[in-house]
Amino acid sequence: MLQQNEQLDLLYGALADGGRRMMVDRLSRGSASVSELAQPLAMSLSAVVQHLRILEASGLVRSEKVGRVRTCRIDPEAMSAAEHWINERRQLWGRRFDRLGDYLVAEPDTIDEIKKGE
């Protein structure tokens, strides 16, 4: 569990930066070279490489160097971990709200008391 939490910390930390989210968005449409990723961004190529290192450390991005060209791609498994974590919380809160709704239906006097307090 601790390792999973550390991985989620890295993942969400990587996604906390707008430039890195732009890179992930671009890579979600297919592989791209570092130069292609850098083109629309207002930062140096070395800054793009630093951001890519963070994305790779988080597990979101994988890269491969062939000759002088480094090509990057998304690793969908990393996104699955984040999606799973979010969905677990969504289901938990959904169940809580369902129970609250059931309680309020079963206790109509409680609703009247709340309305009087407004």
PDB file of N, CA and C in Angstrom:
ATOM      1  N   MET A   1       0.821  -1.202   0.000  1.00  0.00           N
ATOM      2  CA  MET A   1       0.000   0.000   0.000  1.00  0.00           C
ATOM      3  C   MET A   1       0.860   1.260   0.000  1.00  0.00           C
ATOM      4  N   LEU A   2       1.950   1.250   0.790  1.00  0.00           N
ATOM      5  CA  LEU A   2       2.817   2.417   0.863  1.00  0.00           C
ATOM      6  C   LEU A   2       3.433   2.721  -0.499  1.00  0.00           C
ATOM      7  N   GLN A   3       3.865   1.671  -1.203  1.00  0.00           N
ATOM      8  CA  GLN A   3       4.451   1.871  -2.524  1.00  0.00           C
ATOM      9  C   GLN A   3       3.419   2.458  -3.484  1.00  0.00           C
ATOM     10  N   GLN A   4       2.160   2.006  -3.386  1.00  0.00           N
ATOM     11  CA  GLN A   4       1.105   2.536  -4.244  1.00  0.00           C
ATOM     12  C   GLN A   4       0.874   4.015  -3.933  1.00  0.00           C
ATOM     13  N   ASN A   5       0.889   4.396  -2.655  1.00  0.00           N
ATOM     14  CA  ASN A   5       0.706   5.797  -2.282  1.00  0.00           C
ATOM     15  C   ASN A   5       1.852   6.658  -2.810  1.00  0.00           C
ATOM     16  N   GLU A   6       3.073   6.146  -2.722  1.00  0.00           N
ATOM     17  CA  GLU A   6       4.217   6.897  -3.248  1.00  0.00           C
ATOM     18  C   GLU A   6       4.096   7.090  -4.748  1.00  0.00           C
ATOM     19  N   GLN A   7       3.642   6.060  -5.444  1.00  0.00           N
ATOM     20  CA  GLN A   7       3.466   6.159  -6.893  1.00  0.00           C
ATOM     21  C   GLN A   7       2.378   7.175  -7.241  1.00  0.00           C
ATOM     22  N   LEU A   8       1.283   7.176  -6.477  1.00  0.00           N
ATOM     23  CA  LEU A   8       0.225   8.169  -6.716  1.00  0.00           C
ATOM     24  C   LEU A   8       0.725   9.577  -6.433  1.00  0.00           C
ATOM     25  N   ASP A   9       1.554   9.744  -5.393  1.00  0.00           N
ATOM     26  CA  ASP A   9       2.132  11.056  -5.108  1.00  0.00           C
ATOM     27  C   ASP A   9       2.956  11.549  -6.292  1.00  0.00           C
ATOM     28  N   LEU A  10       3.777  10.665  -6.847  1.00  0.00           N
ATOM     29  CA  LEU A  10       4.585  11.032  -8.014  1.00  0.00           C
ATOM     30  C   LEU A  10       3.698  11.368  -9.209  1.00  0.00           C
ATOM     31  N   LEU A  11       2.670  10.582  -9.399  1.00  0.00           N
ATOM     32  CA  LEU A  11       1.757  10.776 -10.526  1.00  0.00           C
ATOM     33  C   LEU A  11       1.046  12.123 -10.438  1.00  0.00           C
ATOM     34  N   TYR A  12       0.423  12.376  -9.280  1.00  0.00           N
ATOM     35  CA  TYR A  12      -0.300  13.638  -9.139  1.00  0.00           C
ATOM     36  C   TYR A  12       0.646  14.833  -9.098  1.00  0.00           C
ATOM     37  N   GLY A  13       1.839  14.643  -8.554  1.00  0.00           N
ATOM     38  CA  GLY A  13       2.841  15.710  -8.590  1.00  0.00           C
ATOM     39  C   GLY A  13       3.237  16.036 -10.018  1.00  0.00           C
ATOM     40  N   ALA A  14       3.391  15.007 -10.837  1.00  0.00           N
ATOM     41  CA  ALA A  14       3.750  15.213 -12.239  1.00  0.00           C
ATOM     42  C   ALA A  14       2.642  15.955 -12.977  1.00  0.00           C
ATOM     43  N   LEU A  15       1.400  15.645 -12.641  1.00  0.00           N
ATOM     44  CA  LEU A  15       0.265  16.288 -13.319  1.00  0.00           C
ATOM     45  C   LEU A  15      -0.058  17.675 -12.764  1.00  0.00           C
ATOM     46  N   ALA A  16       0.632  18.080 -11.704  1.00  0.00           N
ATOM     47  CA  ALA A  16       0.351  19.371 -11.078  1.00  0.00           C
ATOM     48  C   ALA A  16       0.841  20.548 -11.924  1.00  0.00           C
ATOM     49  N   ASP A  17       1.704  20.285 -12.870  1.00  0.00           N
ATOM     50  CA  ASP A  17       2.270  21.359 -13.692  1.00  0.00           C
ATOM     51  C   ASP A  17       1.555  21.424 -15.039  1.00  0.00           C
ATOM     52  N   GLY A  18       1.175  22.623 -15.438  1.00  0.00           N
ATOM     53  CA  GLY A  18       0.443  22.812 -16.690  1.00  0.00           C
ATOM     54  C   GLY A  18       1.222  22.382 -17.922  1.00  0.00           C
ATOM     55  N   GLY A  19       2.513  22.647 -17.951  1.00  0.00           N
ATOM     56  CA  GLY A  19       3.333  22.241 -19.094  1.00  0.00           C
ATOM     57  C   GLY A  19       3.387  20.731 -19.232  1.00  0.00           C
ATOM     58  N   ARG A  20       3.522  20.049 -18.103  1.00  0.00           N
ATOM     59  CA  ARG A  20       3.551  18.586 -18.158  1.00  0.00           C
ATOM     60  C   ARG A  20       2.190  18.031 -18.583  1.00  0.00           C
ATOM     61  N   ARG A  21       1.097  18.673 -18.115  1.00  0.00           N
ATOM     62  CA  ARG A  21      -0.228  18.225 -18.569  1.00  0.00           C
ATOM     63  C   ARG A  21      -0.378  18.412 -20.076  1.00  0.00           C
ATOM     64  N   MET A  22       0.183  19.491 -20.618  1.00  0.00           N
ATOM     65  CA  MET A  22       0.141  19.701 -22.073  1.00  0.00           C
ATOM     66  C   MET A  22       0.895  18.592 -22.795  1.00  0.00           C
ATOM     67  N   MET A  23       2.035  18.191 -22.227  1.00  0.00           N
ATOM     68  CA  MET A  23       2.806  17.104 -22.839  1.00  0.00           C
ATOM     69  C   MET A  23       2.013  15.799 -22.796  1.00  0.00           C
ATOM     70  N   VAL A  24       1.388  15.519 -21.664  1.00  0.00           N
ATOM     71  CA  VAL A  24       0.579  14.299 -21.534  1.00  0.00           C
ATOM     72  C   VAL A  24      -0.588  14.341 -22.515  1.00  0.00           C
ATOM     73  N   ASP A  25      -1.206  15.510 -22.638  1.00  0.00           N
ATOM     74  CA  ASP A  25      -2.314  15.659 -23.587  1.00  0.00           C
ATOM     75  C   ASP A  25      -1.835  15.367 -25.007  1.00  0.00           C
ATOM     76  N   ARG A  26      -0.683  15.916 -25.367  1.00  0.00           N
ATOM     77  CA  ARG A  26      -0.135  15.670 -26.707  1.00  0.00           C
ATOM     78  C   ARG A  26       0.170  14.188 -26.896  1.00  0.00           C
ATOM     79  N   LEU A  27       0.773  13.560 -25.895  1.00  0.00           N
ATOM     80  CA  LEU A  27       1.139  12.152 -26.003  1.00  0.00           C
ATOM     81  C   LEU A  27      -0.074  11.229 -25.993  1.00  0.00           C
ATOM     82  N   SER A  28      -1.192  11.709 -25.479  1.00  0.00           N
ATOM     83  CA  SER A  28      -2.408  10.888 -25.504  1.00  0.00           C
ATOM     84  C   SER A  28      -2.913  10.690 -26.935  1.00  0.00           C
ATOM     85  N   ARG A  29      -2.448  11.519 -27.846  1.00  0.00           N
ATOM     86  CA  ARG A  29      -2.818  11.382 -29.256  1.00  0.00           C
ATOM     87  C   ARG A  29      -1.815  10.540 -30.042  1.00  0.00           C
ATOM     88  N   GLY A  30      -0.719  10.136 -29.386  1.00  0.00           N
ATOM     89  CA  GLY A  30       0.288   9.302 -30.048  1.00  0.00           C
ATOM     90  C   GLY A  30       1.691   9.698 -29.635  1.00  0.00           C
ATOM     91  N   SER A  31       2.641   8.855 -29.967  1.00  0.00           N
ATOM     92  CA  SER A  31       4.040   9.090 -29.625  1.00  0.00           C
ATOM     93  C   SER A  31       4.539  10.382 -30.254  1.00  0.00           C
ATOM     94  N   ALA A  32       5.558  10.968 -29.615  1.00  0.00           N
ATOM     95  CA  ALA A  32       6.145  12.201 -30.144  1.00  0.00           C
ATOM     96  C   ALA A  32       7.596  12.294 -29.702  1.00  0.00           C
ATOM     97  N   SER A  33       8.396  12.954 -30.506  1.00  0.00           N
ATOM     98  CA  SER A  33       9.785  13.193 -30.126  1.00  0.00           C
ATOM     99  C   SER A  33       9.828  14.342 -29.124  1.00  0.00           C
ATOM    100  N   VAL A  34      10.951  14.463 -28.445  1.00  0.00           N
ATOM    101  CA  VAL A  34      11.118  15.555 -27.482  1.00  0.00           C
ATOM    102  C   VAL A  34      10.973  16.902 -28.193  1.00  0.00           C
ATOM    103  N   SER A  35      11.527  17.013 -29.377  1.00  0.00           N
ATOM    104  CA  SER A  35      11.406  18.264 -30.143  1.00  0.00           C
ATOM    105  C   SER A  35       9.957  18.588 -30.469  1.00  0.00           C
ATOM    106  N   GLU A  36       9.187  17.585 -30.826  1.00  0.00           N
ATOM    107  CA  GLU A  36       7.764  17.802 -31.119  1.00  0.00           C
ATOM    108  C   GLU A  36       7.011  18.242 -29.869  1.00  0.00           C
ATOM    109  N   LEU A  37       7.371  17.665 -28.733  1.00  0.00           N
ATOM    110  CA  LEU A  37       6.719  18.065 -27.484  1.00  0.00           C
ATOM    111  C   LEU A  37       7.089  19.493 -27.100  1.00  0.00           C
ATOM    112  N   ALA A  38       8.320  19.881 -27.388  1.00  0.00           N
ATOM    113  CA  ALA A  38       8.806  21.210 -27.009  1.00  0.00           C
ATOM    114  C   ALA A  38       8.234  22.319 -27.881  1.00  0.00           C
ATOM    115  N   GLN A  39       7.888  21.993 -29.106  1.00  0.00           N
ATOM    116  CA  GLN A  39       7.493  23.007 -30.089  1.00  0.00           C
ATOM    117  C   GLN A  39       6.416  23.979 -29.589  1.00  0.00           C
ATOM    118  N   PRO A  40       5.281  23.526 -29.049  1.00  0.00           N
ATOM    119  CA  PRO A  40       4.253  24.494 -28.660  1.00  0.00           C
ATOM    120  C   PRO A  40       4.475  25.130 -27.281  1.00  0.00           C
ATOM    121  N   LEU A  41       5.508  24.697 -26.578  1.00  0.00           N
ATOM    122  CA  LEU A  41       5.723  25.189 -25.218  1.00  0.00           C
ATOM    123  C   LEU A  41       6.701  26.353 -25.192  1.00  0.00           C
ATOM    124  N   ALA A  42       6.437  27.292 -24.315  1.00  0.00           N
ATOM    125  CA  ALA A  42       7.305  28.465 -24.175  1.00  0.00           C
ATOM    126  C   ALA A  42       8.390  28.166 -23.137  1.00  0.00           C
ATOM    127  N   MET A  43       9.230  27.161 -23.451  1.00  0.00           N
ATOM    128  CA  MET A  43      10.340  26.814 -22.560  1.00  0.00           C
ATOM    129  C   MET A  43      11.459  26.215 -23.390  1.00  0.00           C
ATOM    130  N   SER A  44      12.637  26.198 -22.817  1.00  0.00           N
ATOM    131  CA  SER A  44      13.796  25.669 -23.526  1.00  0.00           C
ATOM    132  C   SER A  44      13.702  24.152 -23.657  1.00  0.00           C
ATOM    133  N   LEU A  45      14.480  23.621 -24.561  1.00  0.00           N
ATOM    134  CA  LEU A  45      14.504  22.180 -24.761  1.00  0.00           C
ATOM    135  C   LEU A  45      15.001  21.477 -23.494  1.00  0.00           C
ATOM    136  N   SER A  46      15.964  22.071 -22.800  1.00  0.00           N
ATOM    137  CA  SER A  46      16.455  21.446 -21.563  1.00  0.00           C
ATOM    138  C   SER A  46      15.372  21.439 -20.484  1.00  0.00           C
ATOM    139  N   ALA A  47      14.524  22.459 -20.438  1.00  0.00           N
ATOM    140  CA  ALA A  47      13.418  22.479 -19.477  1.00  0.00           C
ATOM    141  C   ALA A  47      12.404  21.393 -19.813  1.00  0.00           C
ATOM    142  N   VAL A  48      12.146  21.195 -21.101  1.00  0.00           N
ATOM    143  CA  VAL A  48      11.228  20.138 -21.534  1.00  0.00           C
ATOM    144  C   VAL A  48      11.774  18.783 -21.104  1.00  0.00           C
ATOM    145  N   VAL A  49      13.080  18.583 -21.273  1.00  0.00           N
ATOM    146  CA  VAL A  49      13.705  17.311 -20.876  1.00  0.00           C
ATOM    147  C   VAL A  49      13.555  17.096 -19.368  1.00  0.00           C
ATOM    148  N   GLN A  50      13.723  18.146 -18.575  1.00  0.00           N
ATOM    149  CA  GLN A  50      13.546  18.028 -17.119  1.00  0.00           C
ATOM    150  C   GLN A  50      12.111  17.633 -16.776  1.00  0.00           C
ATOM    151  N   HIS A  51      11.153  18.245 -17.442  1.00  0.00           N
ATOM    152  CA  HIS A  51       9.749  17.898 -17.214  1.00  0.00           C
ATOM    153  C   HIS A  51       9.475  16.448 -17.624  1.00  0.00           C
ATOM    154  N   LEU A  52      10.072  16.028 -18.715  1.00  0.00           N
ATOM    155  CA  LEU A  52       9.891  14.642 -19.155  1.00  0.00           C
ATOM    156  C   LEU A  52      10.477  13.659 -18.144  1.00  0.00           C
ATOM    157  N   ARG A  53      11.575  14.018 -17.501  1.00  0.00           N
ATOM    158  CA  ARG A  53      12.150  13.151 -16.456  1.00  0.00           C
ATOM    159  C   ARG A  53      11.152  12.966 -15.309  1.00  0.00           C
ATOM    160  N   ILE A  54      10.463  14.035 -14.957  1.00  0.00           N
ATOM    161  CA  ILE A  54       9.454  13.948 -13.891  1.00  0.00           C
ATOM    162  C   ILE A  54       8.305  13.048 -14.332  1.00  0.00           C
ATOM    163  N   LEU A  55       7.867  13.221 -15.578  1.00  0.00           N
ATOM    164  CA  LEU A  55       6.786  12.377 -16.107  1.00  0.00           C
ATOM    165  C   LEU A  55       7.213  10.909 -16.171  1.00  0.00           C
ATOM    166  N   GLU A  56       8.470  10.666 -16.516  1.00  0.00           N
ATOM    167  CA  GLU A  56       8.962   9.284 -16.563  1.00  0.00           C
ATOM    168  C   GLU A  56       9.078   8.700 -15.154  1.00  0.00           C
ATOM    169  N   ALA A  57       9.541   9.500 -14.196  1.00  0.00           N
ATOM    170  CA  ALA A  57       9.657   9.019 -12.815  1.00  0.00           C
ATOM    171  C   ALA A  57       8.287   8.666 -12.238  1.00  0.00           C
ATOM    172  N   SER A  58       7.257   9.361 -12.697  1.00  0.00           N
ATOM    173  CA  SER A  58       5.903   9.083 -12.217  1.00  0.00           C
ATOM    174  C   SER A  58       5.313   7.833 -12.870  1.00  0.00           C
ATOM    175  N   GLY A  59       5.933   7.389 -13.954  1.00  0.00           N
ATOM    176  CA  GLY A  59       5.427   6.229 -14.677  1.00  0.00           C
ATOM    177  C   GLY A  59       4.464   6.580 -15.788  1.00  0.00           C
ATOM    178  N   LEU A  60       4.118   7.857 -15.934  1.00  0.00           N
ATOM    179  CA  LEU A  60       3.157   8.263 -16.967  1.00  0.00           C
ATOM    180  C   LEU A  60       3.715   8.158 -18.377  1.00  0.00           C
ATOM    181  N   VAL A  61       5.011   8.413 -18.510  1.00  0.00           N
ATOM    182  CA  VAL A  61       5.622   8.483 -19.833  1.00  0.00           C
ATOM    183  C   VAL A  61       6.797   7.512 -19.902  1.00  0.00           C
ATOM    184  N   ARG A  62       6.938   6.890 -21.041  1.00  0.00           N
ATOM    185  CA  ARG A  62       8.085   6.032 -21.348  1.00  0.00           C
ATOM    186  C   ARG A  62       8.771   6.646 -22.569  1.00  0.00           C
ATOM    187  N   SER A  63      10.090   6.535 -22.605  1.00  0.00           N
ATOM    188  CA  SER A  63      10.798   7.063 -23.772  1.00  0.00           C
ATOM    189  C   SER A  63      11.834   6.058 -24.250  1.00  0.00           C
ATOM    190  N   GLU A  64      12.191   6.240 -25.502  1.00  0.00           N
ATOM    191  CA  GLU A  64      13.161   5.358 -26.138  1.00  0.00           C
ATOM    192  C   GLU A  64      14.019   6.210 -27.063  1.00  0.00           C
ATOM    193  N   LYS A  65      15.325   5.992 -27.009  1.00  0.00           N
ATOM    194  CA  LYS A  65      16.225   6.760 -27.858  1.00  0.00           C
ATOM    195  C   LYS A  65      16.726   5.871 -28.985  1.00  0.00           C
ATOM    196  N   VAL A  66      16.499   6.347 -30.197  1.00  0.00           N
ATOM    197  CA  VAL A  66      16.994   5.672 -31.387  1.00  0.00           C
ATOM    198  C   VAL A  66      17.835   6.690 -32.140  1.00  0.00           C
ATOM    199  N   GLY A  67      19.123   6.448 -32.188  1.00  0.00           N
ATOM    200  CA  GLY A  67      20.027   7.424 -32.796  1.00  0.00           C
ATOM    201  C   GLY A  67      20.045   8.694 -31.959  1.00  0.00           C
ATOM    202  N   ARG A  68      19.716   9.794 -32.576  1.00  0.00           N
ATOM    203  CA  ARG A  68      19.700  11.078 -31.865  1.00  0.00           C
ATOM    204  C   ARG A  68      18.296  11.500 -31.445  1.00  0.00           C
ATOM    205  N   VAL A  69      17.303  10.674 -31.746  1.00  0.00           N
ATOM    206  CA  VAL A  69      15.913  11.054 -31.480  1.00  0.00           C
ATOM    207  C   VAL A  69      15.362  10.256 -30.301  1.00  0.00           C
ATOM    208  N   ARG A  70      14.859  10.987 -29.309  1.00  0.00           N
ATOM    209  CA  ARG A  70      14.182  10.358 -28.167  1.00  0.00           C
ATOM    210  C   ARG A  70      12.685  10.496 -28.400  1.00  0.00           C
ATOM    211  N   THR A  71      12.009   9.343 -28.462  1.00  0.00           N
ATOM    212  CA  THR A  71      10.571   9.317 -28.689  1.00  0.00           C
ATOM    213  C   THR A  71       9.864   8.932 -27.397  1.00  0.00           C
ATOM    214  N   CYS A  72       8.803   9.661 -27.081  1.00  0.00           N
ATOM    215  CA  CYS A  72       8.059   9.460 -25.838  1.00  0.00           C
ATOM    216  C   CYS A  72       6.657   8.944 -26.151  1.00  0.00           C
ATOM    217  N   ARG A  73       6.123   8.197 -25.192  1.00  0.00           N
ATOM    218  CA  ARG A  73       4.759   7.697 -25.310  1.00  0.00           C
ATOM    219  C   ARG A  73       4.142   7.596 -23.920  1.00  0.00           C
ATOM    220  N   ILE A  74       2.836   7.567 -23.879  1.00  0.00           N
ATOM    221  CA  ILE A  74       2.096   7.421 -22.616  1.00  0.00           C
ATOM    222  C   ILE A  74       2.115   5.956 -22.195  1.00  0.00           C
ATOM    223  N   ASP A  75       2.207   5.731 -20.887  1.00  0.00           N
ATOM    224  CA  ASP A  75       2.019   4.388 -20.341  1.00  0.00           C
ATOM    225  C   ASP A  75       0.631   4.365 -19.708  1.00  0.00           C
ATOM    226  N   PRO A  76      -0.357   3.757 -20.374  1.00  0.00           N
ATOM    227  CA  PRO A  76      -1.741   3.823 -19.892  1.00  0.00           C
ATOM    228  C   PRO A  76      -1.945   3.192 -18.516  1.00  0.00           C
ATOM    229  N   GLU A  77      -1.082   2.280 -18.101  1.00  0.00           N
ATOM    230  CA  GLU A  77      -1.234   1.650 -16.790  1.00  0.00           C
ATOM    231  C   GLU A  77      -1.115   2.675 -15.662  1.00  0.00           C
ATOM    232  N   ALA A  78      -0.267   3.670 -15.837  1.00  0.00           N
ATOM    233  CA  ALA A  78      -0.103   4.695 -14.799  1.00  0.00           C
ATOM    234  C   ALA A  78      -1.397   5.485 -14.626  1.00  0.00           C
ATOM    235  N   MET A  79      -2.060   5.817 -15.714  1.00  0.00           N
ATOM    236  CA  MET A  79      -3.338   6.525 -15.631  1.00  0.00           C
ATOM    237  C   MET A  79      -4.395   5.662 -14.971  1.00  0.00           C
ATOM    238  N   SER A  80      -4.326   4.358 -15.201  1.00  0.00           N
ATOM    239  CA  SER A  80      -5.298   3.454 -14.595  1.00  0.00           C
ATOM    240  C   SER A  80      -5.232   3.502 -13.079  1.00  0.00           C
ATOM    241  N   ALA A  81      -4.034   3.619 -12.524  1.00  0.00           N
ATOM    242  CA  ALA A  81      -3.892   3.690 -11.065  1.00  0.00           C
ATOM    243  C   ALA A  81      -4.574   4.940 -10.520  1.00  0.00           C
ATOM    244  N   ALA A  82      -4.394   6.065 -11.190  1.00  0.00           N
ATOM    245  CA  ALA A  82      -5.033   7.309 -10.744  1.00  0.00           C
ATOM    246  C   ALA A  82      -6.547   7.222 -10.900  1.00  0.00           C
ATOM    247  N   GLU A  83      -6.975   6.669 -11.997  1.00  0.00           N
ATOM    248  CA  GLU A  83      -8.411   6.520 -12.242  1.00  0.00           C
ATOM    249  C   GLU A  83      -9.046   5.610 -11.186  1.00  0.00           C
ATOM    250  N   HIS A  84      -8.361   4.535 -10.846  1.00  0.00           N
ATOM    251  CA  HIS A  84      -8.861   3.603  -9.835  1.00  0.00           C
ATOM    252  C   HIS A  84      -9.000   4.308  -8.481  1.00  0.00           C
ATOM    253  N   TRP A  85      -7.996   5.093  -8.106  1.00  0.00           N
ATOM    254  CA  TRP A  85      -8.021   5.806  -6.821  1.00  0.00           C
ATOM    255  C   TRP A  85      -9.194   6.789  -6.785  1.00  0.00           C
ATOM    256  N   ILE A  86      -9.393   7.537  -7.853  1.00  0.00           N
ATOM    257  CA  ILE A  86     -10.496   8.506  -7.920  1.00  0.00           C
ATOM    258  C   ILE A  86     -11.845   7.786  -7.885  1.00  0.00           C
ATOM    259  N   ASN A  87     -11.986   6.715  -8.629  1.00  0.00           N
ATOM    260  CA  ASN A  87     -13.257   5.981  -8.659  1.00  0.00           C
ATOM    261  C   ASN A  87     -13.615   5.383  -7.299  1.00  0.00           C
ATOM    262  N   GLU A  88     -12.619   4.912  -6.557  1.00  0.00           N
ATOM    263  CA  GLU A  88     -12.897   4.398  -5.213  1.00  0.00           C
ATOM    264  C   GLU A  88     -13.502   5.485  -4.332  1.00  0.00           C
ATOM    265  N   ARG A  89     -12.954   6.687  -4.390  1.00  0.00           N
ATOM    266  CA  ARG A  89     -13.488   7.804  -3.589  1.00  0.00           C
ATOM    267  C   ARG A  89     -14.857   8.223  -4.068  1.00  0.00           C
ATOM    268  N   ARG A  90     -15.072   8.229  -5.373  1.00  0.00           N
ATOM    269  CA  ARG A  90     -16.380   8.591  -5.931  1.00  0.00           C
ATOM    270  C   ARG A  90     -17.450   7.614  -5.449  1.00  0.00           C
ATOM    271  N   GLN A  91     -17.139   6.325  -5.472  1.00  0.00           N
ATOM    272  CA  GLN A  91     -18.092   5.320  -5.006  1.00  0.00           C
ATOM    273  C   GLN A  91     -18.356   5.456  -3.514  1.00  0.00           C
ATOM    274  N   LEU A  92     -17.321   5.713  -2.735  1.00  0.00           N
ATOM    275  CA  LEU A  92     -17.473   5.895  -1.291  1.00  0.00           C
ATOM    276  C   LEU A  92     -18.429   7.051  -0.993  1.00  0.00           C
ATOM    277  N   TRP A  93     -18.206   8.190  -1.639  1.00  0.00           N
ATOM    278  CA  TRP A  93     -19.066   9.346  -1.388  1.00  0.00           C
ATOM    279  C   TRP A  93     -20.470   9.125  -1.949  1.00  0.00           C
ATOM    280  N   GLY A  94     -20.572   8.416  -3.035  1.00  0.00           N
ATOM    281  CA  GLY A  94     -21.896   8.092  -3.574  1.00  0.00           C
ATOM    282  C   GLY A  94     -22.709   7.283  -2.579  1.00  0.00           C
ATOM    283  N   ARG A  95     -22.066   6.294  -1.964  1.00  0.00           N
ATOM    284  CA  ARG A  95     -22.764   5.482  -0.948  1.00  0.00           C
ATOM    285  C   ARG A  95     -23.148   6.326   0.257  1.00  0.00           C
ATOM    286  N   ARG A  96     -22.282   7.231   0.662  1.00  0.00           N
ATOM    287  CA  ARG A  96     -22.584   8.099   1.812  1.00  0.00           C
ATOM    288  C   ARG A  96     -23.786   8.999   1.520  1.00  0.00           C
ATOM    289  N   PHE A  97     -23.818   9.571   0.321  1.00  0.00           N
ATOM    290  CA  PHE A  97     -24.947  10.432  -0.029  1.00  0.00           C
ATOM    291  C   PHE A  97     -26.236   9.624  -0.159  1.00  0.00           C
ATOM    292  N   ASP A  98     -26.129   8.398  -0.658  1.00  0.00           N
ATOM    293  CA  ASP A  98     -27.310   7.534  -0.720  1.00  0.00           C
ATOM    294  C   ASP A  98     -27.854   7.261   0.674  1.00  0.00           C
ATOM    295  N   ARG A  99     -26.971   6.962   1.622  1.00  0.00           N
ATOM    296  CA  ARG A  99     -27.410   6.706   3.000  1.00  0.00           C
ATOM    297  C   ARG A  99     -28.030   7.961   3.616  1.00  0.00           C
ATOM    298  N   LEU A 100     -27.447   9.133   3.325  1.00  0.00           N
ATOM    299  CA  LEU A 100     -28.007  10.382   3.835  1.00  0.00           C
ATOM    300  C   LEU A 100     -29.404  10.597   3.259  1.00  0.00           C
ATOM    301  N   GLY A 101     -29.557  10.352   1.958  1.00  0.00           N
ATOM    302  CA  GLY A 101     -30.870  10.492   1.332  1.00  0.00           C
ATOM    303  C   GLY A 101     -31.887   9.548   1.942  1.00  0.00           C
ATOM    304  N   ASP A 102     -31.475   8.304   2.175  1.00  0.00           N
ATOM    305  CA  ASP A 102     -32.374   7.330   2.810  1.00  0.00           C
ATOM    306  C   ASP A 102     -32.768   7.802   4.207  1.00  0.00           C
ATOM    307  N   TYR A 103     -31.820   8.340   4.955  1.00  0.00           N
ATOM    308  CA  TYR A 103     -32.094   8.815   6.312  1.00  0.00           C
ATOM    309  C   TYR A 103     -33.100   9.970   6.284  1.00  0.00           C
ATOM    310  N   LEU A 104     -32.872  10.906   5.371  1.00  0.00           N
ATOM    311  CA  LEU A 104     -33.748  12.072   5.311  1.00  0.00           C
ATOM    312  C   LEU A 104     -35.170  11.693   4.884  1.00  0.00           C
ATOM    313  N   VAL A 105     -35.300  10.707   4.021  1.00  0.00           N
ATOM    314  CA  VAL A 105     -36.628  10.229   3.624  1.00  0.00           C
ATOM    315  C   VAL A 105     -37.312   9.540   4.803  1.00  0.00           C
ATOM    316  N   ALA A 106     -36.536   8.786   5.567  1.00  0.00           N
ATOM    317  CA  ALA A 106     -37.098   8.048   6.703  1.00  0.00           C
ATOM    318  C   ALA A 106     -37.410   8.962   7.880  1.00  0.00           C
ATOM    319  N   GLU A 107     -36.784  10.112   7.931  1.00  0.00           N
ATOM    320  CA  GLU A 107     -36.963  11.045   9.049  1.00  0.00           C
ATOM    321  C   GLU A 107     -37.468  12.395   8.532  1.00  0.00           C
ATOM    322  N   PRO A 108     -38.725  12.505   8.087  1.00  0.00           N
ATOM    323  CA  PRO A 108     -39.224  13.762   7.516  1.00  0.00           C
ATOM    324  C   PRO A 108     -39.199  14.917   8.520  1.00  0.00           C
ATOM    325  N   ASP A 109     -39.297  14.625   9.809  1.00  0.00           N
ATOM    326  CA  ASP A 109     -39.239  15.693  10.818  1.00  0.00           C
ATOM    327  C   ASP A 109     -37.886  16.395  10.793  1.00  0.00           C
ATOM    328  N   THR A 110     -36.830  15.660  10.472  1.00  0.00           N
ATOM    329  CA  THR A 110     -35.485  16.238  10.408  1.00  0.00           C
ATOM    330  C   THR A 110     -35.423  17.298   9.313  1.00  0.00           C
ATOM    331  N   ILE A 111     -36.044  17.018   8.180  1.00  0.00           N
ATOM    332  CA  ILE A 111     -36.048  17.975   7.070  1.00  0.00           C
ATOM    333  C   ILE A 111     -36.793  19.239   7.495  1.00  0.00           C
ATOM    334  N   ASP A 112     -37.919  19.090   8.186  1.00  0.00           N
ATOM    335  CA  ASP A 112     -38.677  20.249   8.649  1.00  0.00           C
ATOM    336  C   ASP A 112     -37.850  21.088   9.606  1.00  0.00           C
ATOM    337  N   GLU A 113     -37.091  20.452  10.502  1.00  0.00           N
ATOM    338  CA  GLU A 113     -36.235  21.167  11.444  1.00  0.00           C
ATOM    339  C   GLU A 113     -35.138  21.936  10.720  1.00  0.00           C
ATOM    340  N   ILE A 114     -34.574  21.308   9.676  1.00  0.00           N
ATOM    341  CA  ILE A 114     -33.538  21.985   8.902  1.00  0.00           C
ATOM    342  C   ILE A 114     -34.115  23.212   8.204  1.00  0.00           C
ATOM    343  N   LYS A 115     -35.314  23.073   7.637  1.00  0.00           N
ATOM    344  CA  LYS A 115     -35.950  24.188   6.934  1.00  0.00           C
ATOM    345  C   LYS A 115     -36.259  25.328   7.888  1.00  0.00           C
ATOM    346  N   LYS A 116     -36.656  25.014   9.116  1.00  0.00           N
ATOM    347  CA  LYS A 116     -36.961  26.060  10.111  1.00  0.00           C
ATOM    348  C   LYS A 116     -35.716  26.853  10.463  1.00  0.00           C
ATOM    349  N   GLY A 117     -34.554  26.202  10.443  1.00  0.00           N
ATOM    350  CA  GLY A 117     -33.303  26.860  10.778  1.00  0.00           C
ATOM    351  C   GLY A 117     -32.793  27.791   9.727  1.00  0.00           C
ATOM    352  N   GLU A 118     -33.349  27.740   8.533  1.00  0.00           N
ATOM    353  CA  GLU A 118     -32.866  28.577   7.418  1.00  0.00           C
ATOM    354  C   GLU A 118     -33.277  29.977   7.592  1.00  0.00           C
TER     355      GLU A 118
END
